[in-house]
Amino acid sequence: MDISSIASLASSTASMTTGDAVGLSVLKKAMDIQAAGALALIQTLPALPAPSLPHLGQSINTTA
């Protein structure tokens, strides 16, 4: 293995590392944008009215 191949390998490894960091940064930004959009959608949902009968919503039918 000569010196030129080692230098080439080092520079290609450095560029892959930089590319991975940029890709990860873009992914994080995209996830932040999606989270903000989801939060905005959740906040636009109307509040549920209180049940008219107090016993409603107190148990779950697990046999259905």
N, C-alpha and C. Protein backbone atom coordinates (compact mmCIF):
# COMPACT_ATOMS: atom_id res chain seq x y z
N MET A 1 0.86 -1.17 0.00
CA MET A 1 0.00 0.00 0.00
C MET A 1 0.91 1.23 0.00
N ASP A 2 0.73 2.10 -0.97
CA ASP A 2 1.58 3.29 -1.02
C ASP A 2 0.91 4.48 -0.34
N ILE A 3 1.66 5.54 -0.23
CA ILE A 3 1.23 6.73 0.50
C ILE A 3 0.02 7.39 -0.17
N SER A 4 -0.05 7.40 -1.48
CA SER A 4 -1.14 8.08 -2.18
C SER A 4 -2.49 7.40 -1.91
N SER A 5 -2.48 6.08 -1.80
CA SER A 5 -3.74 5.39 -1.52
C SER A 5 -4.21 5.65 -0.09
N ILE A 6 -3.27 5.79 0.83
CA ILE A 6 -3.64 6.10 2.22
C ILE A 6 -4.25 7.49 2.30
N ALA A 7 -3.66 8.45 1.61
CA ALA A 7 -4.18 9.81 1.62
C ALA A 7 -5.56 9.85 0.96
N SER A 8 -5.73 9.10 -0.11
CA SER A 8 -7.02 9.05 -0.79
C SER A 8 -8.08 8.45 0.12
N LEU A 9 -7.73 7.39 0.82
CA LEU A 9 -8.66 6.75 1.74
C LEU A 9 -9.04 7.69 2.88
N ALA A 10 -8.06 8.43 3.41
CA ALA A 10 -8.33 9.36 4.50
C ALA A 10 -9.26 10.48 4.04
N SER A 11 -9.04 11.01 2.85
CA SER A 11 -9.89 12.10 2.39
C SER A 11 -11.30 11.60 2.06
N SER A 12 -11.43 10.40 1.53
CA SER A 12 -12.76 9.88 1.24
C SER A 12 -13.52 9.57 2.53
N THR A 13 -12.81 9.09 3.55
CA THR A 13 -13.44 8.84 4.84
C THR A 13 -13.90 10.15 5.48
N ALA A 14 -13.09 11.19 5.37
CA ALA A 14 -13.47 12.48 5.93
C ALA A 14 -14.69 13.04 5.21
N SER A 15 -14.75 12.89 3.89
CA SER A 15 -15.90 13.41 3.17
C SER A 15 -17.16 12.61 3.48
N MET A 16 -17.03 11.30 3.71
CA MET A 16 -18.20 10.50 4.09
C MET A 16 -18.70 10.93 5.47
N THR A 17 -17.79 11.21 6.38
CA THR A 17 -18.17 11.64 7.72
C THR A 17 -18.90 12.98 7.65
N THR A 18 -18.40 13.89 6.82
CA THR A 18 -19.06 15.19 6.66
C THR A 18 -20.44 15.01 6.04
N GLY A 19 -20.53 14.15 5.04
CA GLY A 19 -21.82 13.89 4.40
C GLY A 19 -22.81 13.28 5.35
N ASP A 20 -22.34 12.37 6.21
CA ASP A 20 -23.22 11.77 7.20
C ASP A 20 -23.72 12.81 8.20
N ALA A 21 -22.84 13.72 8.60
CA ALA A 21 -23.23 14.76 9.56
C ALA A 21 -24.27 15.69 8.93
N VAL A 22 -24.08 16.03 7.68
CA VAL A 22 -25.05 16.89 7.00
C VAL A 22 -26.39 16.17 6.87
N GLY A 23 -26.36 14.91 6.49
CA GLY A 23 -27.59 14.13 6.37
C GLY A 23 -28.32 14.02 7.69
N LEU A 24 -27.58 13.82 8.76
CA LEU A 24 -28.20 13.72 10.08
C LEU A 24 -28.80 15.06 10.50
N SER A 25 -28.12 16.14 10.19
CA SER A 25 -28.64 17.46 10.51
C SER A 25 -29.94 17.74 9.75
N VAL A 26 -29.99 17.37 8.49
CA VAL A 26 -31.20 17.56 7.69
C VAL A 26 -32.34 16.70 8.25
N LEU A 27 -32.02 15.48 8.64
CA LEU A 27 -33.04 14.60 9.21
C LEU A 27 -33.61 15.17 10.50
N LYS A 28 -32.74 15.68 11.37
CA LYS A 28 -33.22 16.28 12.63
C LYS A 28 -34.11 17.49 12.36
N LYS A 29 -33.72 18.32 11.40
CA LYS A 29 -34.52 19.49 11.07
C LYS A 29 -35.89 19.08 10.53
N ALA A 30 -35.92 18.05 9.68
CA ALA A 30 -37.19 17.56 9.13
C ALA A 30 -38.08 17.01 10.24
N MET A 31 -37.49 16.30 11.20
CA MET A 31 -38.27 15.77 12.30
C MET A 31 -38.81 16.88 13.19
N ASP A 32 -38.02 17.94 13.40
CA ASP A 32 -38.50 19.08 14.18
C ASP A 32 -39.68 19.76 13.48
N ILE A 33 -39.60 19.90 12.17
CA ILE A 33 -40.69 20.52 11.41
C ILE A 33 -41.95 19.66 11.49
N GLN A 34 -41.79 18.34 11.38
CA GLN A 34 -42.94 17.44 11.48
C GLN A 34 -43.55 17.49 12.87
N ALA A 35 -42.72 17.56 13.89
CA ALA A 35 -43.23 17.63 15.26
C ALA A 35 -44.01 18.92 15.48
N ALA A 36 -43.50 20.01 14.95
CA ALA A 36 -44.20 21.29 15.09
C ALA A 36 -45.54 21.25 14.36
N GLY A 37 -45.57 20.64 13.18
CA GLY A 37 -46.83 20.52 12.44
C GLY A 37 -47.83 19.64 13.16
N ALA A 38 -47.36 18.53 13.73
CA ALA A 38 -48.26 17.65 14.47
C ALA A 38 -48.81 18.33 15.71
N LEU A 39 -47.96 19.09 16.39
CA LEU A 39 -48.41 19.82 17.58
C LEU A 39 -49.46 20.86 17.21
N ALA A 40 -49.25 21.54 16.09
CA ALA A 40 -50.23 22.53 15.64
C ALA A 40 -51.57 21.87 15.32
N LEU A 41 -51.53 20.69 14.70
CA LEU A 41 -52.78 19.97 14.41
C LEU A 41 -53.48 19.52 15.68
N ILE A 42 -52.72 19.04 16.64
CA ILE A 42 -53.32 18.58 17.90
C ILE A 42 -53.96 19.75 18.64
N GLN A 43 -53.31 20.90 18.59
CA GLN A 43 -53.84 22.06 19.30
C GLN A 43 -55.11 22.60 18.65
N THR A 44 -55.36 22.28 17.38
CA THR A 44 -56.57 22.76 16.73
C THR A 44 -57.77 21.87 17.01
N LEU A 45 -57.57 20.71 17.61
CA LEU A 45 -58.69 19.83 17.93
C LEU A 45 -59.56 20.48 19.01
N PRO A 46 -60.87 20.38 18.84
CA PRO A 46 -61.74 20.95 19.88
C PRO A 46 -61.71 20.09 21.14
N ALA A 47 -61.96 20.72 22.26
CA ALA A 47 -62.01 19.99 23.53
C ALA A 47 -63.25 19.11 23.55
N LEU A 48 -63.11 17.94 24.12
CA LEU A 48 -64.25 17.03 24.21
C LEU A 48 -65.20 17.50 25.31
N PRO A 49 -66.49 17.43 25.05
CA PRO A 49 -67.44 17.83 26.09
C PRO A 49 -67.45 16.80 27.22
N ALA A 50 -67.78 17.24 28.39
CA ALA A 50 -67.89 16.33 29.53
C ALA A 50 -69.07 15.40 29.31
N PRO A 51 -68.95 14.15 29.72
CA PRO A 51 -70.08 13.23 29.53
C PRO A 51 -71.28 13.67 30.35
N SER A 52 -72.47 13.45 29.76
CA SER A 52 -73.68 13.87 30.46
C SER A 52 -74.00 12.95 31.64
N LEU A 53 -73.54 11.72 31.57
CA LEU A 53 -73.74 10.78 32.68
C LEU A 53 -72.39 10.49 33.32
N PRO A 54 -72.26 10.61 34.63
CA PRO A 54 -70.95 10.50 35.28
C PRO A 54 -70.32 9.11 35.18
N HIS A 55 -71.13 8.07 34.93
CA HIS A 55 -70.56 6.73 34.89
C HIS A 55 -69.97 6.39 33.52
N LEU A 56 -70.21 7.21 32.51
CA LEU A 56 -69.68 6.93 31.18
C LEU A 56 -68.18 7.16 31.14
N GLY A 57 -67.47 6.26 30.46
CA GLY A 57 -66.04 6.40 30.30
C GLY A 57 -65.22 5.97 31.49
N GLN A 58 -65.82 5.26 32.43
CA GLN A 58 -65.09 4.84 33.63
C GLN A 58 -64.60 3.40 33.54
N SER A 59 -65.05 2.63 32.54
CA SER A 59 -64.61 1.25 32.44
C SER A 59 -64.36 0.91 30.97
N ILE A 60 -63.57 -0.14 30.77
CA ILE A 60 -63.24 -0.61 29.42
C ILE A 60 -63.72 -2.04 29.28
N ASN A 61 -64.47 -2.32 28.20
CA ASN A 61 -64.95 -3.67 27.94
C ASN A 61 -63.83 -4.44 27.26
N THR A 62 -63.21 -5.36 27.98
CA THR A 62 -62.09 -6.10 27.43
C THR A 62 -62.52 -7.41 26.77
N THR A 63 -63.80 -7.75 26.81
CA THR A 63 -64.26 -9.00 26.22
C THR A 63 -64.81 -8.81 24.81
N ALA A 64 -64.93 -7.62 24.37
CA ALA A 64 -65.49 -7.35 23.05
C ALA A 64 -64.49 -7.71 21.97
